[in-house]
Amino acid sequence: MATGAKTQGLTPDDEALLDRLAARVVELHMEVPAILALESARPLGFLASQAMVFFEPTARALFRLPDYRRLAALIERRETVEGLAAKIEARADEARRARRAAGAERRARSLASKPSQPPR
């Protein structure tokens, strides 16, 4: 699946939810564990969604999760899990490129601000 392609049958709200989830995973630097969990649990998607429904009262008591039930319904579908993994990978790549560019810029500024030493 291409990273920019829309997942079949998802509403714009569903896409936005998956985008927010992917952004938050990357923001927390949890992309590797998240992708590992998504890939290893892919065959158990329906079971995972039902577990989410079962634990919903506890999760709602602990966290403010307005889209929890919608996410549980989306996780049932294999193509949604694949799409979420692709979104996380794409955002992680963007974040890595941005960090590298920022690091290169800092190094360049640091080198430019240091006075050059005369040769001996």
PDB file of N, CA and C in Angstrom:
ATOM      1  N   MET A   1       0.850  -1.180   0.000  1.00  0.00           N
ATOM      2  CA  MET A   1       0.000   0.000   0.000  1.00  0.00           C
ATOM      3  C   MET A   1       0.883   1.226   0.000  1.00  0.00           C
ATOM      4  N   ALA A   2       0.600   2.174  -0.848  1.00  0.00           N
ATOM      5  CA  ALA A   2       1.360   3.408  -0.886  1.00  0.00           C
ATOM      6  C   ALA A   2       1.033   4.235   0.344  1.00  0.00           C
ATOM      7  N   THR A   3       2.032   4.953   0.850  1.00  0.00           N
ATOM      8  CA  THR A   3       1.815   5.677   2.094  1.00  0.00           C
ATOM      9  C   THR A   3       0.850   6.829   1.926  1.00  0.00           C
ATOM     10  N   GLY A   4       0.758   7.396   0.731  1.00  0.00           N
ATOM     11  CA  GLY A   4      -0.141   8.523   0.524  1.00  0.00           C
ATOM     12  C   GLY A   4      -1.536   8.094   0.119  1.00  0.00           C
ATOM     13  N   ALA A   5      -1.723   6.816  -0.171  1.00  0.00           N
ATOM     14  CA  ALA A   5      -3.018   6.342  -0.643  1.00  0.00           C
ATOM     15  C   ALA A   5      -4.015   6.280   0.497  1.00  0.00           C
ATOM     16  N   LYS A   6      -5.265   6.565   0.164  1.00  0.00           N
ATOM     17  CA  LYS A   6      -6.327   6.484   1.173  1.00  0.00           C
ATOM     18  C   LYS A   6      -6.710   5.026   1.368  1.00  0.00           C
ATOM     19  N   THR A   7      -7.027   4.692   2.585  1.00  0.00           N
ATOM     20  CA  THR A   7      -7.490   3.348   2.891  1.00  0.00           C
ATOM     21  C   THR A   7      -8.930   3.229   2.417  1.00  0.00           C
ATOM     22  N   GLN A   8      -9.270   2.101   1.808  1.00  0.00           N
ATOM     23  CA  GLN A   8     -10.601   1.911   1.235  1.00  0.00           C
ATOM     24  C   GLN A   8     -11.699   2.010   2.276  1.00  0.00           C
ATOM     25  N   GLY A   9     -12.770   2.697   1.902  1.00  0.00           N
ATOM     26  CA  GLY A   9     -13.968   2.701   2.709  1.00  0.00           C
ATOM     27  C   GLY A   9     -13.907   3.525   3.984  1.00  0.00           C
ATOM     28  N   LEU A  10     -12.891   4.333   4.162  1.00  0.00           N
ATOM     29  CA  LEU A  10     -12.808   5.149   5.370  1.00  0.00           C
ATOM     30  C   LEU A  10     -13.363   6.540   5.100  1.00  0.00           C
ATOM     31  N   THR A  11     -14.043   7.068   6.096  1.00  0.00           N
ATOM     32  CA  THR A  11     -14.554   8.428   5.985  1.00  0.00           C
ATOM     33  C   THR A  11     -13.408   9.400   6.255  1.00  0.00           C
ATOM     34  N   PRO A  12     -13.569  10.653   5.894  1.00  0.00           N
ATOM     35  CA  PRO A  12     -12.533  11.647   6.210  1.00  0.00           C
ATOM     36  C   PRO A  12     -12.268  11.742   7.719  1.00  0.00           C
ATOM     37  N   ASP A  13     -13.311  11.552   8.530  1.00  0.00           N
ATOM     38  CA  ASP A  13     -13.115  11.569   9.986  1.00  0.00           C
ATOM     39  C   ASP A  13     -12.254  10.389  10.445  1.00  0.00           C
ATOM     40  N   ASP A  14     -12.470   9.231   9.818  1.00  0.00           N
ATOM     41  CA  ASP A  14     -11.655   8.061  10.154  1.00  0.00           C
ATOM     42  C   ASP A  14     -10.201   8.296   9.758  1.00  0.00           C
ATOM     43  N   GLU A  15      -9.990   8.850   8.581  1.00  0.00           N
ATOM     44  CA  GLU A  15      -8.634   9.169   8.117  1.00  0.00           C
ATOM     45  C   GLU A  15      -7.966  10.145   9.075  1.00  0.00           C
ATOM     46  N   ALA A  16      -8.727  11.162   9.503  1.00  0.00           N
ATOM     47  CA  ALA A  16      -8.177  12.155  10.434  1.00  0.00           C
ATOM     48  C   ALA A  16      -7.815  11.510  11.768  1.00  0.00           C
ATOM     49  N   LEU A  17      -8.642  10.584  12.234  1.00  0.00           N
ATOM     50  CA  LEU A  17      -8.353   9.872  13.481  1.00  0.00           C
ATOM     51  C   LEU A  17      -7.063   9.068  13.353  1.00  0.00           C
ATOM     52  N   LEU A  18      -6.903   8.341  12.258  1.00  0.00           N
ATOM     53  CA  LEU A  18      -5.691   7.554  12.050  1.00  0.00           C
ATOM     54  C   LEU A  18      -4.468   8.462  11.908  1.00  0.00           C
ATOM     55  N   ASP A  19      -4.637   9.606  11.249  1.00  0.00           N
ATOM     56  CA  ASP A  19      -3.531  10.562  11.128  1.00  0.00           C
ATOM     57  C   ASP A  19      -3.116  11.094  12.498  1.00  0.00           C
ATOM     58  N   ARG A  20      -4.104  11.440  13.331  1.00  0.00           N
ATOM     59  CA  ARG A  20      -3.789  11.939  14.680  1.00  0.00           C
ATOM     60  C   ARG A  20      -3.085  10.869  15.504  1.00  0.00           C
ATOM     61  N   LEU A  21      -3.555   9.641  15.389  1.00  0.00           N
ATOM     62  CA  LEU A  21      -2.951   8.534  16.125  1.00  0.00           C
ATOM     63  C   LEU A  21      -1.505   8.313  15.663  1.00  0.00           C
ATOM     64  N   ALA A  22      -1.291   8.322  14.358  1.00  0.00           N
ATOM     65  CA  ALA A  22       0.061   8.145  13.821  1.00  0.00           C
ATOM     66  C   ALA A  22       0.969   9.283  14.267  1.00  0.00           C
ATOM     67  N   ALA A  23       0.459  10.513  14.246  1.00  0.00           N
ATOM     68  CA  ALA A  23       1.260  11.661  14.676  1.00  0.00           C
ATOM     69  C   ALA A  23       1.646  11.541  16.146  1.00  0.00           C
ATOM     70  N   ARG A  24       0.723  11.108  16.968  1.00  0.00           N
ATOM     71  CA  ARG A  24       0.997  10.976  18.404  1.00  0.00           C
ATOM     72  C   ARG A  24       2.016   9.869  18.666  1.00  0.00           C
ATOM     73  N   VAL A  25       1.918   8.768  17.946  1.00  0.00           N
ATOM     74  CA  VAL A  25       2.874   7.672  18.106  1.00  0.00           C
ATOM     75  C   VAL A  25       4.278   8.160  17.763  1.00  0.00           C
ATOM     76  N   VAL A  26       4.411   8.894  16.663  1.00  0.00           N
ATOM     77  CA  VAL A  26       5.720   9.397  16.246  1.00  0.00           C
ATOM     78  C   VAL A  26       6.212  10.464  17.220  1.00  0.00           C
ATOM     79  N   GLU A  27       5.312  11.299  17.698  1.00  0.00           N
ATOM     80  CA  GLU A  27       5.680  12.342  18.669  1.00  0.00           C
ATOM     81  C   GLU A  27       6.277  11.726  19.932  1.00  0.00           C
ATOM     82  N   LEU A  28       5.757  10.587  20.341  1.00  0.00           N
ATOM     83  CA  LEU A  28       6.257   9.890  21.530  1.00  0.00           C
ATOM     84  C   LEU A  28       7.458   8.982  21.223  1.00  0.00           C
ATOM     85  N   HIS A  29       7.907   8.965  19.964  1.00  0.00           N
ATOM     86  CA  HIS A  29       9.014   8.110  19.513  1.00  0.00           C
ATOM     87  C   HIS A  29       8.714   6.641  19.772  1.00  0.00           C
ATOM     88  N   MET A  30       7.468   6.245  19.559  1.00  0.00           N
ATOM     89  CA  MET A  30       7.046   4.862  19.793  1.00  0.00           C
ATOM     90  C   MET A  30       6.705   4.147  18.484  1.00  0.00           C
ATOM     91  N   GLU A  31       7.270   4.634  17.364  1.00  0.00           N
ATOM     92  CA  GLU A  31       6.883   4.050  16.082  1.00  0.00           C
ATOM     93  C   GLU A  31       7.305   2.590  15.941  1.00  0.00           C
ATOM     94  N   VAL A  32       8.477   2.223  16.419  1.00  0.00           N
ATOM     95  CA  VAL A  32       8.918   0.828  16.281  1.00  0.00           C
ATOM     96  C   VAL A  32       8.025  -0.115  17.096  1.00  0.00           C
ATOM     97  N   PRO A  33       7.782   0.152  18.389  1.00  0.00           N
ATOM     98  CA  PRO A  33       6.889  -0.749  19.124  1.00  0.00           C
ATOM     99  C   PRO A  33       5.468  -0.762  18.560  1.00  0.00           C
ATOM    100  N   ALA A  34       4.995   0.389  18.077  1.00  0.00           N
ATOM    101  CA  ALA A  34       3.633   0.441  17.541  1.00  0.00           C
ATOM    102  C   ALA A  34       3.514  -0.397  16.278  1.00  0.00           C
ATOM    103  N   ILE A  35       4.482  -0.266  15.382  1.00  0.00           N
ATOM    104  CA  ILE A  35       4.436  -1.046  14.138  1.00  0.00           C
ATOM    105  C   ILE A  35       4.598  -2.535  14.449  1.00  0.00           C
ATOM    106  N   LEU A  36       5.480  -2.853  15.370  1.00  0.00           N
ATOM    107  CA  LEU A  36       5.648  -4.255  15.770  1.00  0.00           C
ATOM    108  C   LEU A  36       4.344  -4.813  16.329  1.00  0.00           C
ATOM    109  N   ALA A  37       3.681  -4.047  17.180  1.00  0.00           N
ATOM    110  CA  ALA A  37       2.408  -4.501  17.745  1.00  0.00           C
ATOM    111  C   ALA A  37       1.345  -4.642  16.671  1.00  0.00           C
ATOM    112  N   LEU A  38       1.276  -3.679  15.757  1.00  0.00           N
ATOM    113  CA  LEU A  38       0.272  -3.752  14.689  1.00  0.00           C
ATOM    114  C   LEU A  38       0.513  -4.946  13.777  1.00  0.00           C
ATOM    115  N   GLU A  39       1.767  -5.145  13.395  1.00  0.00           N
ATOM    116  CA  GLU A  39       2.079  -6.247  12.489  1.00  0.00           C
ATOM    117  C   GLU A  39       1.875  -7.609  13.156  1.00  0.00           C
ATOM    118  N   SER A  40       2.270  -7.728  14.417  1.00  0.00           N
ATOM    119  CA  SER A  40       2.135  -9.037  15.071  1.00  0.00           C
ATOM    120  C   SER A  40       0.688  -9.348  15.437  1.00  0.00           C
ATOM    121  N   ALA A  41      -0.117  -8.321  15.647  1.00  0.00           N
ATOM    122  CA  ALA A  41      -1.511  -8.543  16.042  1.00  0.00           C
ATOM    123  C   ALA A  41      -2.476  -8.480  14.864  1.00  0.00           C
ATOM    124  N   ARG A  42      -1.953  -8.309  13.663  1.00  0.00           N
ATOM    125  CA  ARG A  42      -2.834  -8.188  12.492  1.00  0.00           C
ATOM    126  C   ARG A  42      -3.817  -9.351  12.374  1.00  0.00           C
ATOM    127  N   PRO A  43      -3.397 -10.607  12.541  1.00  0.00           N
ATOM    128  CA  PRO A  43      -4.369 -11.702  12.431  1.00  0.00           C
ATOM    129  C   PRO A  43      -5.420 -11.683  13.546  1.00  0.00           C
ATOM    130  N   LEU A  44      -5.136 -10.993  14.630  1.00  0.00           N
ATOM    131  CA  LEU A  44      -6.043 -10.960  15.765  1.00  0.00           C
ATOM    132  C   LEU A  44      -6.809  -9.641  15.841  1.00  0.00           C
ATOM    133  N   GLY A  45      -6.960  -8.962  14.717  1.00  0.00           N
ATOM    134  CA  GLY A  45      -7.605  -7.646  14.701  1.00  0.00           C
ATOM    135  C   GLY A  45      -8.988  -7.643  15.309  1.00  0.00           C
ATOM    136  N   PHE A  46      -9.798  -8.621  14.955  1.00  0.00           N
ATOM    137  CA  PHE A  46     -11.157  -8.661  15.493  1.00  0.00           C
ATOM    138  C   PHE A  46     -11.120  -8.871  17.008  1.00  0.00           C
ATOM    139  N   LEU A  47     -10.262  -9.779  17.449  1.00  0.00           N
ATOM    140  CA  LEU A  47     -10.141 -10.039  18.879  1.00  0.00           C
ATOM    141  C   LEU A  47      -9.644  -8.792  19.617  1.00  0.00           C
ATOM    142  N   ALA A  48      -8.691  -8.085  19.013  1.00  0.00           N
ATOM    143  CA  ALA A  48      -8.172  -6.861  19.630  1.00  0.00           C
ATOM    144  C   ALA A  48      -9.265  -5.807  19.735  1.00  0.00           C
ATOM    145  N   SER A  49     -10.076  -5.675  18.694  1.00  0.00           N
ATOM    146  CA  SER A  49     -11.148  -4.677  18.741  1.00  0.00           C
ATOM    147  C   SER A  49     -12.173  -5.032  19.814  1.00  0.00           C
ATOM    148  N   GLN A  50     -12.449  -6.316  19.975  1.00  0.00           N
ATOM    149  CA  GLN A  50     -13.397  -6.726  21.010  1.00  0.00           C
ATOM    150  C   GLN A  50     -12.818  -6.517  22.408  1.00  0.00           C
ATOM    151  N   ALA A  51     -11.503  -6.713  22.548  1.00  0.00           N
ATOM    152  CA  ALA A  51     -10.857  -6.428  23.828  1.00  0.00           C
ATOM    153  C   ALA A  51     -10.928  -4.940  24.142  1.00  0.00           C
ATOM    154  N   MET A  52     -10.779  -4.099  23.109  1.00  0.00           N
ATOM    155  CA  MET A  52     -10.903  -2.657  23.316  1.00  0.00           C
ATOM    156  C   MET A  52     -12.308  -2.304  23.800  1.00  0.00           C
ATOM    157  N   VAL A  53     -13.318  -2.947  23.214  1.00  0.00           N
ATOM    158  CA  VAL A  53     -14.698  -2.699  23.641  1.00  0.00           C
ATOM    159  C   VAL A  53     -14.879  -3.140  25.090  1.00  0.00           C
ATOM    160  N   PHE A  54     -14.303  -4.286  25.444  1.00  0.00           N
ATOM    161  CA  PHE A  54     -14.422  -4.795  26.808  1.00  0.00           C
ATOM    162  C   PHE A  54     -13.788  -3.839  27.822  1.00  0.00           C
ATOM    163  N   PHE A  55     -12.619  -3.294  27.485  1.00  0.00           N
ATOM    164  CA  PHE A  55     -11.896  -2.420  28.409  1.00  0.00           C
ATOM    165  C   PHE A  55     -12.289  -0.950  28.279  1.00  0.00           C
ATOM    166  N   GLU A  56     -13.273  -0.647  27.446  1.00  0.00           N
ATOM    167  CA  GLU A  56     -13.675   0.745  27.235  1.00  0.00           C
ATOM    168  C   GLU A  56     -14.046   1.471  28.534  1.00  0.00           C
ATOM    169  N   PRO A  57     -14.844   0.911  29.433  1.00  0.00           N
ATOM    170  CA  PRO A  57     -15.174   1.647  30.666  1.00  0.00           C
ATOM    171  C   PRO A  57     -13.932   2.035  31.477  1.00  0.00           C
ATOM    172  N   THR A  58     -12.981   1.124  31.561  1.00  0.00           N
ATOM    173  CA  THR A  58     -11.751   1.419  32.298  1.00  0.00           C
ATOM    174  C   THR A  58     -10.943   2.487  31.583  1.00  0.00           C
ATOM    175  N   ALA A  59     -10.815   2.356  30.271  1.00  0.00           N
ATOM    176  CA  ALA A  59     -10.041   3.333  29.498  1.00  0.00           C
ATOM    177  C   ALA A  59     -10.680   4.716  29.582  1.00  0.00           C
ATOM    178  N   ARG A  60     -11.983   4.791  29.493  1.00  0.00           N
ATOM    179  CA  ARG A  60     -12.671   6.084  29.579  1.00  0.00           C
ATOM    180  C   ARG A  60     -12.538   6.704  30.967  1.00  0.00           C
ATOM    181  N   ALA A  61     -12.452   5.871  31.989  1.00  0.00           N
ATOM    182  CA  ALA A  61     -12.281   6.400  33.345  1.00  0.00           C
ATOM    183  C   ALA A  61     -10.884   6.988  33.534  1.00  0.00           C
ATOM    184  N   LEU A  62      -9.910   6.430  32.844  1.00  0.00           N
ATOM    185  CA  LEU A  62      -8.528   6.875  33.012  1.00  0.00           C
ATOM    186  C   LEU A  62      -8.105   7.953  32.028  1.00  0.00           C
ATOM    187  N   PHE A  63      -8.654   7.917  30.806  1.00  0.00           N
ATOM    188  CA  PHE A  63      -8.209   8.814  29.750  1.00  0.00           C
ATOM    189  C   PHE A  63      -9.391   9.498  29.090  1.00  0.00           C
ATOM    190  N   ARG A  64      -9.115  10.653  28.491  1.00  0.00           N
ATOM    191  CA  ARG A  64     -10.131  11.331  27.688  1.00  0.00           C
ATOM    192  C   ARG A  64      -9.959  10.842  26.251  1.00  0.00           C
ATOM    193  N   LEU A  65     -10.818   9.944  25.840  1.00  0.00           N
ATOM    194  CA  LEU A  65     -10.698   9.307  24.529  1.00  0.00           C
ATOM    195  C   LEU A  65     -12.010   9.431  23.757  1.00  0.00           C
ATOM    196  N   PRO A  66     -12.248  10.546  23.094  1.00  0.00           N
ATOM    197  CA  PRO A  66     -13.537  10.717  22.419  1.00  0.00           C
ATOM    198  C   PRO A  66     -13.748   9.759  21.242  1.00  0.00           C
ATOM    199  N   ASP A  67     -12.671   9.313  20.600  1.00  0.00           N
ATOM    200  CA  ASP A  67     -12.800   8.465  19.415  1.00  0.00           C
ATOM    201  C   ASP A  67     -12.458   7.002  19.699  1.00  0.00           C
ATOM    202  N   TYR A  68     -12.521   6.609  20.932  1.00  0.00           N
ATOM    203  CA  TYR A  68     -12.122   5.262  21.330  1.00  0.00           C
ATOM    204  C   TYR A  68     -12.968   4.193  20.636  1.00  0.00           C
ATOM    205  N   ARG A  69     -14.271   4.366  20.641  1.00  0.00           N
ATOM    206  CA  ARG A  69     -15.161   3.361  20.053  1.00  0.00           C
ATOM    207  C   ARG A  69     -14.967   3.270  18.539  1.00  0.00           C
ATOM    208  N   ARG A  70     -14.753   4.429  17.886  1.00  0.00           N
ATOM    209  CA  ARG A  70     -14.523   4.418  16.438  1.00  0.00           C
ATOM    210  C   ARG A  70     -13.217   3.697  16.121  1.00  0.00           C
ATOM    211  N   LEU A  71     -12.174   3.937  16.934  1.00  0.00           N
ATOM    212  CA  LEU A  71     -10.902   3.253  16.724  1.00  0.00           C
ATOM    213  C   LEU A  71     -11.064   1.747  16.914  1.00  0.00           C
ATOM    214  N   ALA A  72     -11.834   1.340  17.904  1.00  0.00           N
ATOM    215  CA  ALA A  72     -12.078  -0.091  18.121  1.00  0.00           C
ATOM    216  C   ALA A  72     -12.751  -0.710  16.895  1.00  0.00           C
ATOM    217  N   ALA A  73     -13.689   0.008  16.292  1.00  0.00           N
ATOM    218  CA  ALA A  73     -14.359  -0.504  15.087  1.00  0.00           C
ATOM    219  C   ALA A  73     -13.398  -0.541  13.901  1.00  0.00           C
ATOM    220  N   LEU A  74     -12.504   0.432  13.809  1.00  0.00           N
ATOM    221  CA  LEU A  74     -11.556   0.462  12.689  1.00  0.00           C
ATOM    222  C   LEU A  74     -10.522  -0.654  12.783  1.00  0.00           C
ATOM    223  N   ILE A  75     -10.116  -0.991  13.983  1.00  0.00           N
ATOM    224  CA  ILE A  75      -9.078  -2.008  14.173  1.00  0.00           C
ATOM    225  C   ILE A  75      -9.556  -3.384  13.714  1.00  0.00           C
ATOM    226  N   GLU A  76     -10.863  -3.589  13.635  1.00  0.00           N
ATOM    227  CA  GLU A  76     -11.392  -4.871  13.158  1.00  0.00           C
ATOM    228  C   GLU A  76     -10.966  -5.160  11.726  1.00  0.00           C
ATOM    229  N   ARG A  77     -10.772  -4.111  10.949  1.00  0.00           N
ATOM    230  CA  ARG A  77     -10.506  -4.275   9.517  1.00  0.00           C
ATOM    231  C   ARG A  77      -9.014  -4.324   9.242  1.00  0.00           C
ATOM    232  N   ARG A  78      -8.574  -5.366   8.578  1.00  0.00           N
ATOM    233  CA  ARG A  78      -7.156  -5.585   8.300  1.00  0.00           C
ATOM    234  C   ARG A  78      -6.544  -4.441   7.493  1.00  0.00           C
ATOM    235  N   GLU A  79      -7.287  -3.924   6.515  1.00  0.00           N
ATOM    236  CA  GLU A  79      -6.725  -2.846   5.688  1.00  0.00           C
ATOM    237  C   GLU A  79      -6.514  -1.562   6.492  1.00  0.00           C
ATOM    238  N   THR A  80      -7.293  -1.379   7.539  1.00  0.00           N
ATOM    239  CA  THR A  80      -7.105  -0.211   8.402  1.00  0.00           C
ATOM    240  C   THR A  80      -5.810  -0.342   9.189  1.00  0.00           C
ATOM    241  N   VAL A  81      -5.521  -1.528   9.674  1.00  0.00           N
ATOM    242  CA  VAL A  81      -4.283  -1.756  10.422  1.00  0.00           C
ATOM    243  C   VAL A  81      -3.086  -1.529   9.505  1.00  0.00           C
ATOM    244  N   GLU A  82      -3.167  -2.020   8.279  1.00  0.00           N
ATOM    245  CA  GLU A  82      -2.093  -1.812   7.311  1.00  0.00           C
ATOM    246  C   GLU A  82      -1.925  -0.322   7.004  1.00  0.00           C
ATOM    247  N   GLY A  83      -3.038   0.374   6.842  1.00  0.00           N
ATOM    248  CA  GLY A  83      -2.987   1.810   6.570  1.00  0.00           C
ATOM    249  C   GLY A  83      -2.400   2.588   7.727  1.00  0.00           C
ATOM    250  N   LEU A  84      -2.749   2.216   8.950  1.00  0.00           N
ATOM    251  CA  LEU A  84      -2.204   2.888  10.124  1.00  0.00           C
ATOM    252  C   LEU A  84      -0.696   2.660  10.212  1.00  0.00           C
ATOM    253  N   ALA A  85      -0.246   1.452   9.961  1.00  0.00           N
ATOM    254  CA  ALA A  85       1.193   1.163   9.981  1.00  0.00           C
ATOM    255  C   ALA A  85       1.914   1.991   8.914  1.00  0.00           C
ATOM    256  N   ALA A  86       1.309   2.115   7.731  1.00  0.00           N
ATOM    257  CA  ALA A  86       1.916   2.917   6.663  1.00  0.00           C
ATOM    258  C   ALA A  86       1.975   4.393   7.054  1.00  0.00           C
ATOM    259  N   LYS A  87       0.933   4.893   7.698  1.00  0.00           N
ATOM    260  CA  LYS A  87       0.925   6.294   8.139  1.00  0.00           C
ATOM    261  C   LYS A  87       2.007   6.536   9.190  1.00  0.00           C
ATOM    262  N   ILE A  88       2.160   5.600  10.122  1.00  0.00           N
ATOM    263  CA  ILE A  88       3.192   5.744  11.154  1.00  0.00           C
ATOM    264  C   ILE A  88       4.578   5.741  10.514  1.00  0.00           C
ATOM    265  N   GLU A  89       4.808   4.819   9.573  1.00  0.00           N
ATOM    266  CA  GLU A  89       6.106   4.759   8.902  1.00  0.00           C
ATOM    267  C   GLU A  89       6.396   6.045   8.139  1.00  0.00           C
ATOM    268  N   ALA A  90       5.403   6.565   7.435  1.00  0.00           N
ATOM    269  CA  ALA A  90       5.601   7.798   6.666  1.00  0.00           C
ATOM    270  C   ALA A  90       5.906   8.977   7.591  1.00  0.00           C
ATOM    271  N   ARG A  91       5.163   9.096   8.674  1.00  0.00           N
ATOM    272  CA  ARG A  91       5.415  10.195   9.622  1.00  0.00           C
ATOM    273  C   ARG A  91       6.770  10.031  10.304  1.00  0.00           C
ATOM    274  N   ALA A  92       7.163   8.800  10.603  1.00  0.00           N
ATOM    275  CA  ALA A  92       8.467   8.562  11.226  1.00  0.00           C
ATOM    276  C   ALA A  92       9.593   8.964  10.274  1.00  0.00           C
ATOM    277  N   ASP A  93       9.438   8.646   8.985  1.00  0.00           N
ATOM    278  CA  ASP A  93      10.440   9.052   7.996  1.00  0.00           C
ATOM    279  C   ASP A  93      10.540  10.576   7.911  1.00  0.00           C
ATOM    280  N   GLU A  94       9.387  11.259   7.894  1.00  0.00           N
ATOM    281  CA  GLU A  94       9.383  12.730   7.867  1.00  0.00           C
ATOM    282  C   GLU A  94      10.073  13.296   9.102  1.00  0.00           C
ATOM    283  N   ALA A  95       9.781  12.737  10.264  1.00  0.00           N
ATOM    284  CA  ALA A  95      10.376  13.225  11.514  1.00  0.00           C
ATOM    285  C   ALA A  95      11.884  12.994  11.512  1.00  0.00           C
ATOM    286  N   ARG A  96      12.330  11.844  11.017  1.00  0.00           N
ATOM    287  CA  ARG A  96      13.768  11.559  10.946  1.00  0.00           C
ATOM    288  C   ARG A  96      14.472  12.545  10.032  1.00  0.00           C
ATOM    289  N   ARG A  97      13.872  12.824   8.870  1.00  0.00           N
ATOM    290  CA  ARG A  97      14.467  13.800   7.943  1.00  0.00           C
ATOM    291  C   ARG A  97      14.545  15.181   8.584  1.00  0.00           C
ATOM    292  N   ALA A  98      13.486  15.573   9.296  1.00  0.00           N
ATOM    293  CA  ALA A  98      13.476  16.888   9.943  1.00  0.00           C
ATOM    294  C   ALA A  98      14.536  16.959  11.043  1.00  0.00           C
ATOM    295  N   ARG A  99      14.697  15.882  11.821  1.00  0.00           N
ATOM    296  CA  ARG A  99      15.723  15.877  12.875  1.00  0.00           C
ATOM    297  C   ARG A  99      17.118  15.946  12.283  1.00  0.00           C
ATOM    298  N   ARG A 100      17.351  15.219  11.188  1.00  0.00           N
ATOM    299  CA  ARG A 100      18.667  15.262  10.539  1.00  0.00           C
ATOM    300  C   ARG A 100      18.963  16.659  10.004  1.00  0.00           C
ATOM    301  N   ALA A 101      17.963  17.268   9.381  1.00  0.00           N
ATOM    302  CA  ALA A 101      18.161  18.616   8.838  1.00  0.00           C
ATOM    303  C   ALA A 101      18.441  19.616   9.959  1.00  0.00           C
ATOM    304  N   ALA A 102      17.723  19.499  11.057  1.00  0.00           N
ATOM    305  CA  ALA A 102      17.945  20.399  12.192  1.00  0.00           C
ATOM    306  C   ALA A 102      19.333  20.179  12.783  1.00  0.00           C
ATOM    307  N   GLY A 103      19.771  18.943  12.882  1.00  0.00           N
ATOM    308  CA  GLY A 103      21.108  18.649  13.397  1.00  0.00           C
ATOM    309  C   GLY A 103      22.191  19.194  12.491  1.00  0.00           C
ATOM    310  N   ALA A 104      22.015  19.041  11.183  1.00  0.00           N
ATOM    311  CA  ALA A 104      22.989  19.576  10.230  1.00  0.00           C
ATOM    312  C   ALA A 104      23.031  21.097  10.311  1.00  0.00           C
ATOM    313  N   GLU A 105      21.888  21.722  10.477  1.00  0.00           N
ATOM    314  CA  GLU A 105      21.842  23.182  10.592  1.00  0.00           C
ATOM    315  C   GLU A 105      22.547  23.646  11.870  1.00  0.00           C
ATOM    316  N   ARG A 106      22.316  22.949  12.975  1.00  0.00           N
ATOM    317  CA  ARG A 106      22.991  23.307  14.232  1.00  0.00           C
ATOM    318  C   ARG A 106      24.504  23.161  14.105  1.00  0.00           C
ATOM    319  N   ARG A 107      24.944  22.069  13.467  1.00  0.00           N
ATOM    320  CA  ARG A 107      26.385  21.874  13.283  1.00  0.00           C
ATOM    321  C   ARG A 107      26.976  22.967  12.413  1.00  0.00           C
ATOM    322  N   ALA A 108      26.263  23.341  11.360  1.00  0.00           N
ATOM    323  CA  ALA A 108      26.755  24.398  10.471  1.00  0.00           C
ATOM    324  C   ALA A 108      26.848  25.728  11.213  1.00  0.00           C
ATOM    325  N   ARG A 109      25.846  26.040  12.026  1.00  0.00           N
ATOM    326  CA  ARG A 109      25.890  27.292  12.801  1.00  0.00           C
ATOM    327  C   ARG A 109      27.015  27.248  13.815  1.00  0.00           C
ATOM    328  N   SER A 110      27.214  26.091  14.433  1.00  0.00           N
ATOM    329  CA  SER A 110      28.277  25.951  15.425  1.00  0.00           C
ATOM    330  C   SER A 110      29.642  26.150  14.790  1.00  0.00           C
ATOM    331  N   LEU A 111      29.846  25.572  13.623  1.00  0.00           N
ATOM    332  CA  LEU A 111      31.127  25.729  12.923  1.00  0.00           C
ATOM    333  C   LEU A 111      31.329  27.167  12.458  1.00  0.00           C
ATOM    334  N   ALA A 112      30.263  27.812  12.040  1.00  0.00           N
ATOM    335  CA  ALA A 112      30.367  29.188  11.557  1.00  0.00           C
ATOM    336  C   ALA A 112      30.647  30.163  12.698  1.00  0.00           C
ATOM    337  N   SER A 113      30.191  29.851  13.885  1.00  0.00           N
ATOM    338  CA  SER A 113      30.367  30.775  15.011  1.00  0.00           C
ATOM    339  C   SER A 113      31.726  30.612  15.690  1.00  0.00           C
ATOM    340  N   LYS A 114      32.410  29.493  15.473  1.00  0.00           N
ATOM    341  CA  LYS A 114      33.722  29.285  16.088  1.00  0.00           C
ATOM    342  C   LYS A 114      34.774  30.060  15.302  1.00  0.00           C
ATOM    343  N   PRO A 115      35.643  30.761  16.021  1.00  0.00           N
ATOM    344  CA  PRO A 115      36.726  31.455  15.296  1.00  0.00           C
ATOM    345  C   PRO A 115      37.706  30.431  14.754  1.00  0.00           C
ATOM    346  N   SER A 116      38.158  30.689  13.566  1.00  0.00           N
ATOM    347  CA  SER A 116      39.095  29.741  12.955  1.00  0.00           C
ATOM    348  C   SER A 116      40.475  29.931  13.581  1.00  0.00           C
ATOM    349  N   GLN A 117      41.169  28.859  13.764  1.00  0.00           N
ATOM    350  CA  GLN A 117      42.495  28.898  14.371  1.00  0.00           C
ATOM    351  C   GLN A 117      43.522  29.086  13.275  1.00  0.00           C
ATOM    352  N   PRO A 118      44.475  29.946  13.493  1.00  0.00           N
ATOM    353  CA  PRO A 118      45.500  30.129  12.464  1.00  0.00           C
ATOM    354  C   PRO A 118      46.383  28.885  12.384  1.00  0.00           C
ATOM    355  N   PRO A 119      46.846  28.549  11.205  1.00  0.00           N
ATOM    356  CA  PRO A 119      47.708  27.362  11.061  1.00  0.00           C
ATOM    357  C   PRO A 119      49.032  27.591  11.775  1.00  0.00           C
ATOM    358  N   ARG A 120      49.667  26.544  12.244  1.00  0.00           N
ATOM    359  CA  ARG A 120      50.944  26.650  12.958  1.00  0.00           C
ATOM    360  C   ARG A 120      52.097  26.527  12.033  1.00  0.00           C
TER     361      ARG A 120
END
